[in-house]
Amino acid sequence: MVNFEAKSLLNIALFFSLCAAQAEHRGLTEAEVAIAFALHSGAAAVVVGAASSAHFEDAVRGTAVSLTDAEVQWLRGSDDDSEGRNDNVATSAAS
């Protein structure tokens, strides 16, 4: 059994909230952003647990999404300034 620490769970929650914000600004789904992030980050493969054809289609579309380096950095959550994060989303939305 995997033992998740509270900090790990908070990091996961933060990542998915950042994906949701980025998706909203870019007119994408959260899954598309998450797949694009994983592929941009050098993942050799992304395992998708699609429960419906819509989930599968989101995953396929995510392979065609390009993220800027600024978007990837922002999704990594390495920018501790929340204002800066909002600025990055707004900037990427304008792209």
C-alpha atoms as a PDB file:
ATOM      1  CA  MET A   1       0.000   0.000   0.000  1.00  0.00           C
ATOM      2  CA  VAL A   2       1.273   3.467  -0.917  1.00  0.00           C
ATOM      3  CA  ASN A   3       1.691   5.888   1.968  1.00  0.00           C
ATOM      4  CA  PHE A   4       0.854   9.412   0.807  1.00  0.00           C
ATOM      5  CA  GLU A   5       2.007  12.288   2.944  1.00  0.00           C
ATOM      6  CA  ALA A   6      -0.263  15.300   3.368  1.00  0.00           C
ATOM      7  CA  LYS A   7       2.255  17.507   1.535  1.00  0.00           C
ATOM      8  CA  SER A   8       2.182  15.185  -1.484  1.00  0.00           C
ATOM      9  CA  LEU A   9      -1.594  15.308  -1.579  1.00  0.00           C
ATOM     10  CA  LEU A  10      -1.520  19.109  -1.366  1.00  0.00           C
ATOM     11  CA  ASN A  11       0.969  19.234  -4.249  1.00  0.00           C
ATOM     12  CA  ILE A  12      -1.307  17.014  -6.328  1.00  0.00           C
ATOM     13  CA  ALA A  13      -4.303  19.209  -5.505  1.00  0.00           C
ATOM     14  CA  LEU A  14      -2.300  22.328  -6.412  1.00  0.00           C
ATOM     15  CA  PHE A  15      -1.228  20.815  -9.730  1.00  0.00           C
ATOM     16  CA  PHE A  16      -4.792  19.964 -10.707  1.00  0.00           C
ATOM     17  CA  SER A  17      -6.076  23.402  -9.686  1.00  0.00           C
ATOM     18  CA  LEU A  18      -3.332  24.976 -11.831  1.00  0.00           C
ATOM     19  CA  CYS A  19      -4.304  22.683 -14.732  1.00  0.00           C
ATOM     20  CA  ALA A  20      -7.916  23.801 -14.331  1.00  0.00           C
ATOM     21  CA  ALA A  21      -6.929  27.489 -14.415  1.00  0.00           C
ATOM     22  CA  GLN A  22      -4.673  26.997 -17.432  1.00  0.00           C
ATOM     23  CA  ALA A  23      -7.355  24.988 -19.235  1.00  0.00           C
ATOM     24  CA  GLU A  24      -9.940  27.700 -18.649  1.00  0.00           C
ATOM     25  CA  HIS A  25      -7.635  30.410 -20.004  1.00  0.00           C
ATOM     26  CA  ARG A  26      -6.644  28.385 -23.075  1.00  0.00           C
ATOM     27  CA  GLY A  27     -10.079  26.948 -23.854  1.00  0.00           C
ATOM     28  CA  LEU A  28      -8.876  23.399 -23.223  1.00  0.00           C
ATOM     29  CA  THR A  29      -9.898  20.628 -20.872  1.00  0.00           C
ATOM     30  CA  GLU A  30      -7.943  19.877 -17.704  1.00  0.00           C
ATOM     31  CA  ALA A  31      -6.991  16.497 -19.158  1.00  0.00           C
ATOM     32  CA  GLU A  32      -5.551  18.116 -22.293  1.00  0.00           C
ATOM     33  CA  VAL A  33      -3.356  20.398 -20.171  1.00  0.00           C
ATOM     34  CA  ALA A  34      -2.246  17.570 -17.862  1.00  0.00           C
ATOM     35  CA  ILE A  35      -1.334  15.301 -20.806  1.00  0.00           C
ATOM     36  CA  ALA A  36       0.536  18.131 -22.546  1.00  0.00           C
ATOM     37  CA  PHE A  37       2.418  18.879 -19.318  1.00  0.00           C
ATOM     38  CA  ALA A  38       3.425  15.239 -18.840  1.00  0.00           C
ATOM     39  CA  LEU A  39       4.661  14.950 -22.412  1.00  0.00           C
ATOM     40  CA  HIS A  40       6.482  18.299 -22.269  1.00  0.00           C
ATOM     41  CA  SER A  41       8.166  17.206 -19.038  1.00  0.00           C
ATOM     42  CA  GLY A  42       9.829  14.279 -20.757  1.00  0.00           C
ATOM     43  CA  ALA A  43       7.517  11.426 -19.843  1.00  0.00           C
ATOM     44  CA  ALA A  44       8.279   8.433 -22.032  1.00  0.00           C
ATOM     45  CA  ALA A  45       4.640   7.389 -21.862  1.00  0.00           C
ATOM     46  CA  VAL A  46       1.453   8.636 -20.296  1.00  0.00           C
ATOM     47  CA  VAL A  47      -0.994   6.089 -18.934  1.00  0.00           C
ATOM     48  CA  VAL A  48      -4.575   7.191 -19.411  1.00  0.00           C
ATOM     49  CA  GLY A  49      -7.418   5.560 -17.516  1.00  0.00           C
ATOM     50  CA  ALA A  50     -10.278   6.618 -19.764  1.00  0.00           C
ATOM     51  CA  ALA A  51     -13.710   5.782 -18.394  1.00  0.00           C
ATOM     52  CA  SER A  52     -15.469   7.093 -21.492  1.00  0.00           C
ATOM     53  CA  SER A  53     -14.780   7.919 -25.106  1.00  0.00           C
ATOM     54  CA  ALA A  54     -14.774  11.613 -24.152  1.00  0.00           C
ATOM     55  CA  HIS A  55     -11.911  11.000 -21.692  1.00  0.00           C
ATOM     56  CA  PHE A  56      -9.981   9.143 -24.389  1.00  0.00           C
ATOM     57  CA  GLU A  57     -10.584  11.959 -26.896  1.00  0.00           C
ATOM     58  CA  ASP A  58      -9.331  14.537 -24.342  1.00  0.00           C
ATOM     59  CA  ALA A  59      -6.161  12.498 -23.904  1.00  0.00           C
ATOM     60  CA  VAL A  60      -5.566  12.259 -27.646  1.00  0.00           C
ATOM     61  CA  ARG A  61      -6.137  16.009 -28.102  1.00  0.00           C
ATOM     62  CA  GLY A  62      -3.710  16.653 -25.242  1.00  0.00           C
ATOM     63  CA  THR A  63      -0.889  15.149 -27.291  1.00  0.00           C
ATOM     64  CA  ALA A  64      -1.268  18.007 -29.786  1.00  0.00           C
ATOM     65  CA  VAL A  65      -1.235  20.816 -27.189  1.00  0.00           C
ATOM     66  CA  SER A  66       1.962  22.865 -27.008  1.00  0.00           C
ATOM     67  CA  LEU A  67       2.856  24.545 -23.743  1.00  0.00           C
ATOM     68  CA  THR A  68       5.316  27.396 -23.440  1.00  0.00           C
ATOM     69  CA  ASP A  69       8.241  27.058 -21.053  1.00  0.00           C
ATOM     70  CA  ALA A  70       6.552  29.681 -18.854  1.00  0.00           C
ATOM     71  CA  GLU A  71       3.351  27.620 -18.724  1.00  0.00           C
ATOM     72  CA  VAL A  72       5.263  24.475 -17.793  1.00  0.00           C
ATOM     73  CA  GLN A  73       7.168  26.312 -15.059  1.00  0.00           C
ATOM     74  CA  TRP A  74       3.913  27.735 -13.740  1.00  0.00           C
ATOM     75  CA  LEU A  75       2.260  24.297 -13.714  1.00  0.00           C
ATOM     76  CA  ARG A  76       5.219  22.926 -11.777  1.00  0.00           C
ATOM     77  CA  GLY A  77       4.244  25.390  -9.060  1.00  0.00           C
ATOM     78  CA  SER A  78       7.800  26.663  -8.685  1.00  0.00           C
ATOM     79  CA  ASP A  79       6.674  30.289  -8.689  1.00  0.00           C
ATOM     80  CA  ASP A  80       5.764  31.035  -5.047  1.00  0.00           C
ATOM     81  CA  ASP A  81       4.163  34.369  -5.924  1.00  0.00           C
ATOM     82  CA  SER A  82       0.474  33.740  -6.659  1.00  0.00           C
ATOM     83  CA  GLU A  83       0.266  37.062  -8.503  1.00  0.00           C
ATOM     84  CA  GLY A  84       3.060  35.891 -10.766  1.00  0.00           C
ATOM     85  CA  ARG A  85       1.183  32.675 -11.443  1.00  0.00           C
ATOM     86  CA  ASN A  86      -1.908  34.614 -12.449  1.00  0.00           C
ATOM     87  CA  ASP A  87       0.210  36.814 -14.712  1.00  0.00           C
ATOM     88  CA  ASN A  88       1.684  33.743 -16.414  1.00  0.00           C
ATOM     89  CA  VAL A  89      -1.761  32.310 -17.079  1.00  0.00           C
ATOM     90  CA  ALA A  90      -2.968  35.607 -18.490  1.00  0.00           C
ATOM     91  CA  THR A  91       0.148  35.853 -20.658  1.00  0.00           C
ATOM     92  CA  SER A  92      -0.238  32.329 -21.982  1.00  0.00           C
ATOM     93  CA  ALA A  93      -3.922  32.912 -22.640  1.00  0.00           C
ATOM     94  CA  ALA A  94      -3.030  35.831 -24.874  1.00  0.00           C
ATOM     95  CA  SER A  95      -0.676  33.630 -26.939  1.00  0.00           C
END
